[in-house]
């Protein structure tokens, strides 16, 4: 019974402490900027329902396949700039 009481108390303390710890760092979880293109930024292929979706530095990206994600991960700055250039032209 003592063990059950101790475990319940521990669960309560952890449950209260975790949300407080996240709020204490002062960072809000911001919504990422939506991906503005209808094509993959890596391969320039049209996106479909199987697009690979992820967020990089607060910007949502959609790529046509996992292979393009590997290419993106090798040189992310290149594709961030390419996206910025593509959206500036619109």
C-alpha atoms as a PDB file:
ATOM      1  CA  UNK A   1       0.000   0.000   0.000  1.00  0.00           C
ATOM      2  CA  UNK A   2       2.847   2.350   0.830  1.00  0.00           C
ATOM      3  CA  UNK A   3       4.421   1.633  -2.577  1.00  0.00           C
ATOM      4  CA  UNK A   4       1.155   2.399  -4.365  1.00  0.00           C
ATOM      5  CA  UNK A   5       0.825   5.683  -2.481  1.00  0.00           C
ATOM      6  CA  UNK A   6       4.425   6.638  -3.327  1.00  0.00           C
ATOM      7  CA  UNK A   7       3.967   5.838  -7.015  1.00  0.00           C
ATOM      8  CA  UNK A   8       0.728   7.822  -7.151  1.00  0.00           C
ATOM      9  CA  UNK A   9       2.424  10.802  -5.538  1.00  0.00           C
ATOM     10  CA  UNK A  10       5.353  10.546  -7.960  1.00  0.00           C
ATOM     11  CA  UNK A  11       2.991  10.442 -10.956  1.00  0.00           C
ATOM     12  CA  UNK A  12       1.165  13.508  -9.658  1.00  0.00           C
ATOM     13  CA  UNK A  13       4.379  15.479  -9.143  1.00  0.00           C
ATOM     14  CA  UNK A  14       5.722  14.577 -12.599  1.00  0.00           C
ATOM     15  CA  UNK A  15       2.370  15.358 -14.220  1.00  0.00           C
ATOM     16  CA  UNK A  16       2.342  18.827 -12.702  1.00  0.00           C
ATOM     17  CA  UNK A  17       6.055  19.545 -13.206  1.00  0.00           C
ATOM     18  CA  UNK A  18       6.357  18.720 -16.918  1.00  0.00           C
ATOM     19  CA  UNK A  19       3.906  21.294 -18.304  1.00  0.00           C
ATOM     20  CA  UNK A  20       5.320  23.876 -15.904  1.00  0.00           C
ATOM     21  CA  UNK A  21       8.874  23.153 -17.060  1.00  0.00           C
ATOM     22  CA  UNK A  22       7.909  23.657 -20.697  1.00  0.00           C
ATOM     23  CA  UNK A  23       6.139  26.922 -19.921  1.00  0.00           C
ATOM     24  CA  UNK A  24       9.048  28.149 -17.817  1.00  0.00           C
ATOM     25  CA  UNK A  25      11.469  28.308 -20.740  1.00  0.00           C
ATOM     26  CA  UNK A  26       9.389  31.153 -22.185  1.00  0.00           C
ATOM     27  CA  UNK A  27       9.046  29.613 -25.635  1.00  0.00           C
ATOM     28  CA  UNK A  28       5.651  29.338 -27.217  1.00  0.00           C
ATOM     29  CA  UNK A  29       4.912  26.570 -29.627  1.00  0.00           C
ATOM     30  CA  UNK A  30       4.344  28.581 -32.756  1.00  0.00           C
ATOM     31  CA  UNK A  31       2.535  27.329 -35.784  1.00  0.00           C
ATOM     32  CA  UNK A  32       4.959  26.779 -38.664  1.00  0.00           C
ATOM     33  CA  UNK A  33       4.644  28.833 -41.835  1.00  0.00           C
ATOM     34  CA  UNK A  34       2.691  26.772 -44.379  1.00  0.00           C
ATOM     35  CA  UNK A  35       4.471  25.423 -47.435  1.00  0.00           C
ATOM     36  CA  UNK A  36       3.417  27.735 -50.301  1.00  0.00           C
ATOM     37  CA  UNK A  37       4.347  25.666 -53.371  1.00  0.00           C
ATOM     38  CA  UNK A  38       2.600  22.865 -55.227  1.00  0.00           C
ATOM     39  CA  UNK A  39       5.929  21.299 -56.198  1.00  0.00           C
ATOM     40  CA  UNK A  40       8.806  19.643 -54.365  1.00  0.00           C
ATOM     41  CA  UNK A  41      11.536  22.200 -53.613  1.00  0.00           C
ATOM     42  CA  UNK A  42      14.233  19.560 -54.246  1.00  0.00           C
ATOM     43  CA  UNK A  43      13.080  17.770 -57.421  1.00  0.00           C
ATOM     44  CA  UNK A  44      10.541  20.296 -58.756  1.00  0.00           C
ATOM     45  CA  UNK A  45       8.045  17.434 -59.128  1.00  0.00           C
ATOM     46  CA  UNK A  46       4.339  17.947 -58.488  1.00  0.00           C
ATOM     47  CA  UNK A  47       3.299  17.034 -54.942  1.00  0.00           C
ATOM     48  CA  UNK A  48       0.670  14.384 -54.330  1.00  0.00           C
ATOM     49  CA  UNK A  49      -0.984  12.791 -51.296  1.00  0.00           C
ATOM     50  CA  UNK A  50       2.198  10.846 -50.475  1.00  0.00           C
ATOM     51  CA  UNK A  51       4.265  14.009 -49.925  1.00  0.00           C
ATOM     52  CA  UNK A  52       6.819  13.956 -47.103  1.00  0.00           C
ATOM     53  CA  UNK A  53       5.840  16.685 -44.641  1.00  0.00           C
ATOM     54  CA  UNK A  54       8.176  18.155 -41.990  1.00  0.00           C
ATOM     55  CA  UNK A  55       9.075  21.442 -40.318  1.00  0.00           C
ATOM     56  CA  UNK A  56      12.525  23.028 -40.530  1.00  0.00           C
ATOM     57  CA  UNK A  57      13.293  26.247 -38.642  1.00  0.00           C
ATOM     58  CA  UNK A  58       9.624  27.180 -38.324  1.00  0.00           C
ATOM     59  CA  UNK A  59       8.877  26.574 -42.009  1.00  0.00           C
ATOM     60  CA  UNK A  60       6.766  23.674 -43.216  1.00  0.00           C
ATOM     61  CA  UNK A  61       8.231  21.748 -46.150  1.00  0.00           C
ATOM     62  CA  UNK A  62       6.588  19.203 -48.431  1.00  0.00           C
ATOM     63  CA  UNK A  63       8.782  16.980 -50.553  1.00  0.00           C
ATOM     64  CA  UNK A  64       7.764  14.415 -53.128  1.00  0.00           C
ATOM     65  CA  UNK A  65       9.629  11.470 -51.572  1.00  0.00           C
ATOM     66  CA  UNK A  66      11.964  10.233 -48.833  1.00  0.00           C
ATOM     67  CA  UNK A  67      14.922  10.445 -51.214  1.00  0.00           C
ATOM     68  CA  UNK A  68      14.369  14.194 -51.542  1.00  0.00           C
ATOM     69  CA  UNK A  69      14.265  14.441 -47.744  1.00  0.00           C
ATOM     70  CA  UNK A  70      17.754  12.899 -47.635  1.00  0.00           C
ATOM     71  CA  UNK A  71      18.941  15.458 -50.194  1.00  0.00           C
ATOM     72  CA  UNK A  72      17.334  18.258 -48.194  1.00  0.00           C
ATOM     73  CA  UNK A  73      19.047  17.094 -44.998  1.00  0.00           C
ATOM     74  CA  UNK A  74      22.456  17.216 -46.717  1.00  0.00           C
ATOM     75  CA  UNK A  75      22.092  20.901 -47.690  1.00  0.00           C
ATOM     76  CA  UNK A  76      19.102  22.461 -45.905  1.00  0.00           C
ATOM     77  CA  UNK A  77      20.318  26.064 -46.351  1.00  0.00           C
ATOM     78  CA  UNK A  78      20.308  25.594 -50.128  1.00  0.00           C
ATOM     79  CA  UNK A  79      16.635  24.597 -50.152  1.00  0.00           C
ATOM     80  CA  UNK A  80      15.570  27.203 -47.596  1.00  0.00           C
ATOM     81  CA  UNK A  81      17.062  29.847 -49.898  1.00  0.00           C
ATOM     82  CA  UNK A  82      15.456  28.222 -52.948  1.00  0.00           C
ATOM     83  CA  UNK A  83      12.065  28.380 -51.228  1.00  0.00           C
ATOM     84  CA  UNK A  84      12.593  32.021 -50.241  1.00  0.00           C
ATOM     85  CA  UNK A  85      13.559  32.893 -53.817  1.00  0.00           C
ATOM     86  CA  UNK A  86      10.559  31.016 -55.240  1.00  0.00           C
ATOM     87  CA  UNK A  87       8.089  32.740 -52.927  1.00  0.00           C
ATOM     88  CA  UNK A  88       9.632  36.169 -53.564  1.00  0.00           C
ATOM     89  CA  UNK A  89       8.925  35.770 -57.290  1.00  0.00           C
ATOM     90  CA  UNK A  90       5.187  35.287 -56.693  1.00  0.00           C
END
